[in-house]
PDB file of N, CA and C in Angstrom:
ATOM      1  N   MET A   1      96.696 235.058 166.786  1.00  0.00           N
ATOM      2  CA  MET A   1      97.241 236.389 166.916  1.00  0.00           C
ATOM      3  C   MET A   1      96.516 237.106 168.055  1.00  0.00           C
ATOM      4  N   GLN A   2      97.265 237.747 168.892  1.00  0.00           N
ATOM      5  CA  GLN A   2      96.689 238.497 169.992  1.00  0.00           C
ATOM      6  C   GLN A   2      96.432 239.941 169.557  1.00  0.00           C
ATOM      7  N   LYS A   3      95.544 240.608 170.243  1.00  0.00           N
ATOM      8  CA  LYS A   3      95.157 241.966 169.885  1.00  0.00           C
ATOM      9  C   LYS A   3      96.352 242.918 169.821  1.00  0.00           C
ATOM     10  N   HIS A   4      97.333 242.749 170.671  1.00  0.00           N
ATOM     11  CA  HIS A   4      98.464 243.673 170.708  1.00  0.00           C
ATOM     12  C   HIS A   4      99.562 243.330 169.708  1.00  0.00           C
ATOM     13  N   ASP A   5      99.365 242.305 168.875  1.00  0.00           N
ATOM     14  CA  ASP A   5     100.399 241.920 167.919  1.00  0.00           C
ATOM     15  C   ASP A   5     100.553 242.916 166.771  1.00  0.00           C
ATOM     16  N   LEU A   6      99.467 243.573 166.344  1.00  0.00           N
ATOM     17  CA  LEU A   6      99.538 244.549 165.269  1.00  0.00           C
ATOM     18  C   LEU A   6      99.218 245.936 165.795  1.00  0.00           C
ATOM     19  N   HIS A   7      99.878 246.906 165.211  1.00  0.00           N
ATOM     20  CA  HIS A   7      99.683 248.296 165.589  1.00  0.00           C
ATOM     21  C   HIS A   7      99.271 249.083 164.362  1.00  0.00           C
ATOM     22  N   LYS A   8      98.507 250.139 164.546  1.00  0.00           N
ATOM     23  CA  LYS A   8      98.164 251.045 163.457  1.00  0.00           C
ATOM     24  C   LYS A   8      99.307 252.038 163.347  1.00  0.00           C
ATOM     25  N   LYS A   9      99.973 252.045 162.215  1.00  0.00           N
ATOM     26  CA  LYS A   9     101.125 252.923 162.019  1.00  0.00           C
ATOM     27  C   LYS A   9     100.812 253.933 160.939  1.00  0.00           C
ATOM     28  N   HIS A  10     101.023 255.217 161.235  1.00  0.00           N
ATOM     29  CA  HIS A  10     100.825 256.258 160.240  1.00  0.00           C
ATOM     30  C   HIS A  10     101.933 256.199 159.195  1.00  0.00           C
ATOM     31  N   VAL A  11     101.557 256.250 157.933  1.00  0.00           N
ATOM     32  CA  VAL A  11     102.537 256.309 156.855  1.00  0.00           C
ATOM     33  C   VAL A  11     103.235 257.661 156.911  1.00  0.00           C
ATOM     34  N   ASN A  12     102.459 258.730 157.043  1.00  0.00           N
ATOM     35  CA  ASN A  12     102.987 260.086 157.150  1.00  0.00           C
ATOM     36  C   ASN A  12     102.610 260.611 158.533  1.00  0.00           C
ATOM     37  N   ASP A  13     103.582 260.848 159.391  1.00  0.00           N
ATOM     38  CA  ASP A  13     103.301 261.287 160.765  1.00  0.00           C
ATOM     39  C   ASP A  13     102.532 262.597 160.823  1.00  0.00           C
ATOM     40  N   ASP A  14     102.663 263.429 159.813  1.00  0.00           N
ATOM     41  CA  ASP A  14     101.944 264.702 159.778  1.00  0.00           C
ATOM     42  C   ASP A  14     100.634 264.605 158.998  1.00  0.00           C
ATOM     43  N   GLY A  15     100.305 263.394 158.523  1.00  0.00           N
ATOM     44  CA  GLY A  15      99.119 263.215 157.692  1.00  0.00           C
ATOM     45  C   GLY A  15      97.859 262.944 158.492  1.00  0.00           C
ATOM     46  N   ALA A  16      96.834 262.542 157.775  1.00  0.00           N
ATOM     47  CA  ALA A  16      95.512 262.286 158.353  1.00  0.00           C
ATOM     48  C   ALA A  16      95.580 261.183 159.415  1.00  0.00           C
ATOM     49  N   ASN A  17      94.654 261.253 160.347  1.00  0.00           N
ATOM     50  CA  ASN A  17      94.570 260.242 161.404  1.00  0.00           C
ATOM     51  C   ASN A  17      93.410 259.294 161.079  1.00  0.00           C
ATOM     52  N   ASP A  18      93.423 258.763 159.856  1.00  0.00           N
ATOM     53  CA  ASP A  18      92.397 257.806 159.446  1.00  0.00           C
ATOM     54  C   ASP A  18      93.054 256.695 158.629  1.00  0.00           C
ATOM     55  N   LEU A  19      92.247 255.776 158.121  1.00  0.00           N
ATOM     56  CA  LEU A  19      92.794 254.608 157.436  1.00  0.00           C
ATOM     57  C   LEU A  19      93.540 254.937 156.152  1.00  0.00           C
ATOM     58  N   SER A  20      93.290 256.097 155.563  1.00  0.00           N
ATOM     59  CA  SER A  20      94.000 256.454 154.335  1.00  0.00           C
ATOM     60  C   SER A  20      95.489 256.687 154.585  1.00  0.00           C
ATOM     61  N   ASN A  21      95.877 256.858 155.826  1.00  0.00           N
ATOM     62  CA  ASN A  21      97.264 257.149 156.182  1.00  0.00           C
ATOM     63  C   ASN A  21      97.837 256.099 157.133  1.00  0.00           C
ATOM     64  N   CYS A  22      97.247 254.919 157.152  1.00  0.00           N
ATOM     65  CA  CYS A  22      97.684 253.904 158.111  1.00  0.00           C
ATOM     66  C   CYS A  22      97.947 252.566 157.446  1.00  0.00           C
ATOM     67  N   VAL A  23      98.901 251.834 158.001  1.00  0.00           N
ATOM     68  CA  VAL A  23      99.160 250.458 157.611  1.00  0.00           C
ATOM     69  C   VAL A  23      99.342 249.652 158.889  1.00  0.00           C
ATOM     70  N   PRO A  24      98.965 248.373 158.873  1.00  0.00           N
ATOM     71  CA  PRO A  24      99.226 247.556 160.054  1.00  0.00           C
ATOM     72  C   PRO A  24     100.719 247.274 160.156  1.00  0.00           C
ATOM     73  N   ALA A  25     101.232 247.281 161.359  1.00  0.00           N
ATOM     74  CA  ALA A  25     102.653 247.021 161.574  1.00  0.00           C
ATOM     75  C   ALA A  25     102.823 246.202 162.848  1.00  0.00           C
ATOM     76  N   CYS A  26     103.739 245.255 162.793  1.00  0.00           N
ATOM     77  CA  CYS A  26     104.050 244.505 164.007  1.00  0.00           C
ATOM     78  C   CYS A  26     104.762 245.444 164.985  1.00  0.00           C
ATOM     79  N   TYR A  27     104.865 245.010 166.208  1.00  0.00           N
ATOM     80  CA  TYR A  27     105.495 245.824 167.250  1.00  0.00           C
ATOM     81  C   TYR A  27     106.913 246.248 166.863  1.00  0.00           C
ATOM     82  N   SER A  28     107.676 245.308 166.326  1.00  0.00           N
ATOM     83  CA  SER A  28     109.061 245.590 165.962  1.00  0.00           C
ATOM     84  C   SER A  28     109.147 246.662 164.876  1.00  0.00           C
ATOM     85  N   CYS A  29     108.349 246.533 163.820  1.00  0.00           N
ATOM     86  CA  CYS A  29     108.362 247.530 162.742  1.00  0.00           C
ATOM     87  C   CYS A  29     107.852 248.873 163.237  1.00  0.00           C
ATOM     88  N   ASN A  30     106.830 248.830 164.069  1.00  0.00           N
ATOM     89  CA  ASN A  30     106.281 250.064 164.617  1.00  0.00           C
ATOM     90  C   ASN A  30     107.361 250.823 165.396  1.00  0.00           C
ATOM     91  N   ARG A  31     108.123 250.116 166.192  1.00  0.00           N
ATOM     92  CA  ARG A  31     109.196 250.751 166.977  1.00  0.00           C
ATOM     93  C   ARG A  31     110.329 251.240 166.083  1.00  0.00           C
ATOM     94  N   GLN A  32     110.647 250.479 165.032  1.00  0.00           N
ATOM     95  CA  GLN A  32     111.747 250.866 164.148  1.00  0.00           C
ATOM     96  C   GLN A  32     111.402 252.108 163.335  1.00  0.00           C
ATOM     97  N   LYS A  33     110.158 252.226 162.886  1.00  0.00           N
ATOM     98  CA  LYS A  33     109.787 253.386 162.074  1.00  0.00           C
ATOM     99  C   LYS A  33     109.833 254.651 162.916  1.00  0.00           C
ATOM    100  N   TRP A  34     109.301 254.582 164.108  1.00  0.00           N
ATOM    101  CA  TRP A  34     109.304 255.657 165.087  1.00  0.00           C
ATOM    102  C   TRP A  34     108.879 256.962 164.439  1.00  0.00           C
ATOM    103  N   LYS A  35     109.745 257.949 164.325  1.00  0.00           N
ATOM    104  CA  LYS A  35     109.360 259.239 163.756  1.00  0.00           C
ATOM    105  C   LYS A  35     109.948 259.476 162.366  1.00  0.00           C
ATOM    106  N   PHE A  36     110.537 258.437 161.789  1.00  0.00           N
ATOM    107  CA  PHE A  36     111.116 258.581 160.461  1.00  0.00           C
ATOM    108  C   PHE A  36     110.032 258.761 159.409  1.00  0.00           C
ATOM    109  N   CYS A  37     110.332 259.502 158.368  1.00  0.00           N
ATOM    110  CA  CYS A  37     109.471 259.579 157.201  1.00  0.00           C
ATOM    111  C   CYS A  37     109.376 258.162 156.627  1.00  0.00           C
ATOM    112  N   PHE A  38     108.200 257.779 156.169  1.00  0.00           N
ATOM    113  CA  PHE A  38     107.994 256.409 155.694  1.00  0.00           C
ATOM    114  C   PHE A  38     109.020 256.010 154.640  1.00  0.00           C
ATOM    115  N   GLU A  39     109.252 256.862 153.651  1.00  0.00           N
ATOM    116  CA  GLU A  39     110.182 256.530 152.575  1.00  0.00           C
ATOM    117  C   GLU A  39     111.628 256.418 153.065  1.00  0.00           C
ATOM    118  N   ASP A  40     111.973 257.154 154.111  1.00  0.00           N
ATOM    119  CA  ASP A  40     113.318 257.045 154.685  1.00  0.00           C
ATOM    120  C   ASP A  40     113.495 255.732 155.440  1.00  0.00           C
ATOM    121  N   TRP A  41     112.405 255.219 155.986  1.00  0.00           N
ATOM    122  CA  TRP A  41     112.475 253.989 156.767  1.00  0.00           C
ATOM    123  C   TRP A  41     112.235 252.748 155.913  1.00  0.00           C
ATOM    124  N   TYR A  42     111.206 252.793 155.055  1.00  0.00           N
ATOM    125  CA  TYR A  42     110.859 251.596 154.270  1.00  0.00           C
ATOM    126  C   TYR A  42     111.307 251.791 152.834  1.00  0.00           C
ATOM    127  N   ASN A  43     112.503 251.309 152.543  1.00  0.00           N
ATOM    128  CA  ASN A  43     113.082 251.394 151.202  1.00  0.00           C
ATOM    129  C   ASN A  43     113.919 250.134 150.990  1.00  0.00           C
ATOM    130  N   GLU A  44     114.639 250.085 149.910  1.00  0.00           N
ATOM    131  CA  GLU A  44     115.384 248.871 149.561  1.00  0.00           C
ATOM    132  C   GLU A  44     116.446 248.480 150.574  1.00  0.00           C
ATOM    133  N   SER A  45     116.854 249.393 151.440  1.00  0.00           N
ATOM    134  CA  SER A  45     117.846 249.041 152.459  1.00  0.00           C
ATOM    135  C   SER A  45     117.198 248.398 153.695  1.00  0.00           C
ATOM    136  N   ASN A  46     115.868 248.435 153.790  1.00  0.00           N
ATOM    137  CA  ASN A  46     115.147 247.803 154.891  1.00  0.00           C
ATOM    138  C   ASN A  46     115.055 246.301 154.609  1.00  0.00           C
ATOM    139  N   LYS A  47     115.439 245.470 155.565  1.00  0.00           N
ATOM    140  CA  LYS A  47     115.483 244.019 155.328  1.00  0.00           C
ATOM    141  C   LYS A  47     114.105 243.422 155.055  1.00  0.00           C
ATOM    142  N   SER A  48     113.033 244.105 155.414  1.00  0.00           N
ATOM    143  CA  SER A  48     111.679 243.606 155.164  1.00  0.00           C
ATOM    144  C   SER A  48     111.082 244.128 153.858  1.00  0.00           C
ATOM    145  N   TYR A  49     111.799 244.964 153.155  1.00  0.00           N
ATOM    146  CA  TYR A  49     111.276 245.610 151.952  1.00  0.00           C
ATOM    147  C   TYR A  49     111.027 244.619 150.825  1.00  0.00           C
ATOM    148  N   THR A  50     109.882 244.759 150.188  1.00  0.00           N
ATOM    149  CA  THR A  50     109.614 244.070 148.922  1.00  0.00           C
ATOM    150  C   THR A  50     108.810 245.026 148.050  1.00  0.00           C
ATOM    151  N   GLU A  51     108.949 244.898 146.744  1.00  0.00           N
ATOM    152  CA  GLU A  51     108.165 245.737 145.843  1.00  0.00           C
ATOM    153  C   GLU A  51     106.682 245.448 145.988  1.00  0.00           C
ATOM    154  N   ASP A  52     106.338 244.199 146.213  1.00  0.00           N
ATOM    155  CA  ASP A  52     104.936 243.826 146.396  1.00  0.00           C
ATOM    156  C   ASP A  52     104.333 244.573 147.582  1.00  0.00           C
ATOM    157  N   ARG A  53     105.039 244.618 148.695  1.00  0.00           N
ATOM    158  CA  ARG A  53     104.529 245.314 149.882  1.00  0.00           C
ATOM    159  C   ARG A  53     104.394 246.811 149.646  1.00  0.00           C
ATOM    160  N   ILE A  54     105.400 247.415 149.038  1.00  0.00           N
ATOM    161  CA  ILE A  54     105.332 248.858 148.820  1.00  0.00           C
ATOM    162  C   ILE A  54     104.210 249.197 147.855  1.00  0.00           C
ATOM    163  N   ASN A  55     103.982 248.356 146.852  1.00  0.00           N
ATOM    164  CA  ASN A  55     102.874 248.590 145.927  1.00  0.00           C
ATOM    165  C   ASN A  55     101.533 248.492 146.627  1.00  0.00           C
ATOM    166  N   LYS A  56     101.382 247.563 147.539  1.00  0.00           N
ATOM    167  CA  LYS A  56     100.128 247.432 148.281  1.00  0.00           C
ATOM    168  C   LYS A  56      99.897 248.638 149.189  1.00  0.00           C
ATOM    169  N   ILE A  57     100.941 249.163 149.757  1.00  0.00           N
ATOM    170  CA  ILE A  57     100.819 250.327 150.630  1.00  0.00           C
ATOM    171  C   ILE A  57     100.445 251.556 149.824  1.00  0.00           C
ATOM    172  N   HIS A  58     101.061 251.747 148.669  1.00  0.00           N
ATOM    173  CA  HIS A  58     100.802 252.930 147.860  1.00  0.00           C
ATOM    174  C   HIS A  58      99.456 252.885 147.156  1.00  0.00           C
ATOM    175  N   ILE A  59      98.861 251.706 146.987  1.00  0.00           N
ATOM    176  CA  ILE A  59      97.542 251.590 146.370  1.00  0.00           C
ATOM    177  C   ILE A  59      96.489 252.151 147.308  1.00  0.00           C
ATOM    178  N   CYS A  60      96.669 251.987 148.594  1.00  0.00           N
ATOM    179  CA  CYS A  60      95.677 252.408 149.570  1.00  0.00           C
ATOM    180  C   CYS A  60      95.503 253.909 149.622  1.00  0.00           C
TER     181      CYS A  60
END
């Protein structure tokens, strides 16, 4: 994996600028989320969505 493969993506764009509000995201996901609210972007209609992933994100 190269350094530019993962990006730090804010879960809440208006939230804290620290690890409590960040998840790693590939370039494609980072671009797709853009300025959308996390819940509007990552939900059951997102082809990458899984309950396991959302649970891991919400635990942090």
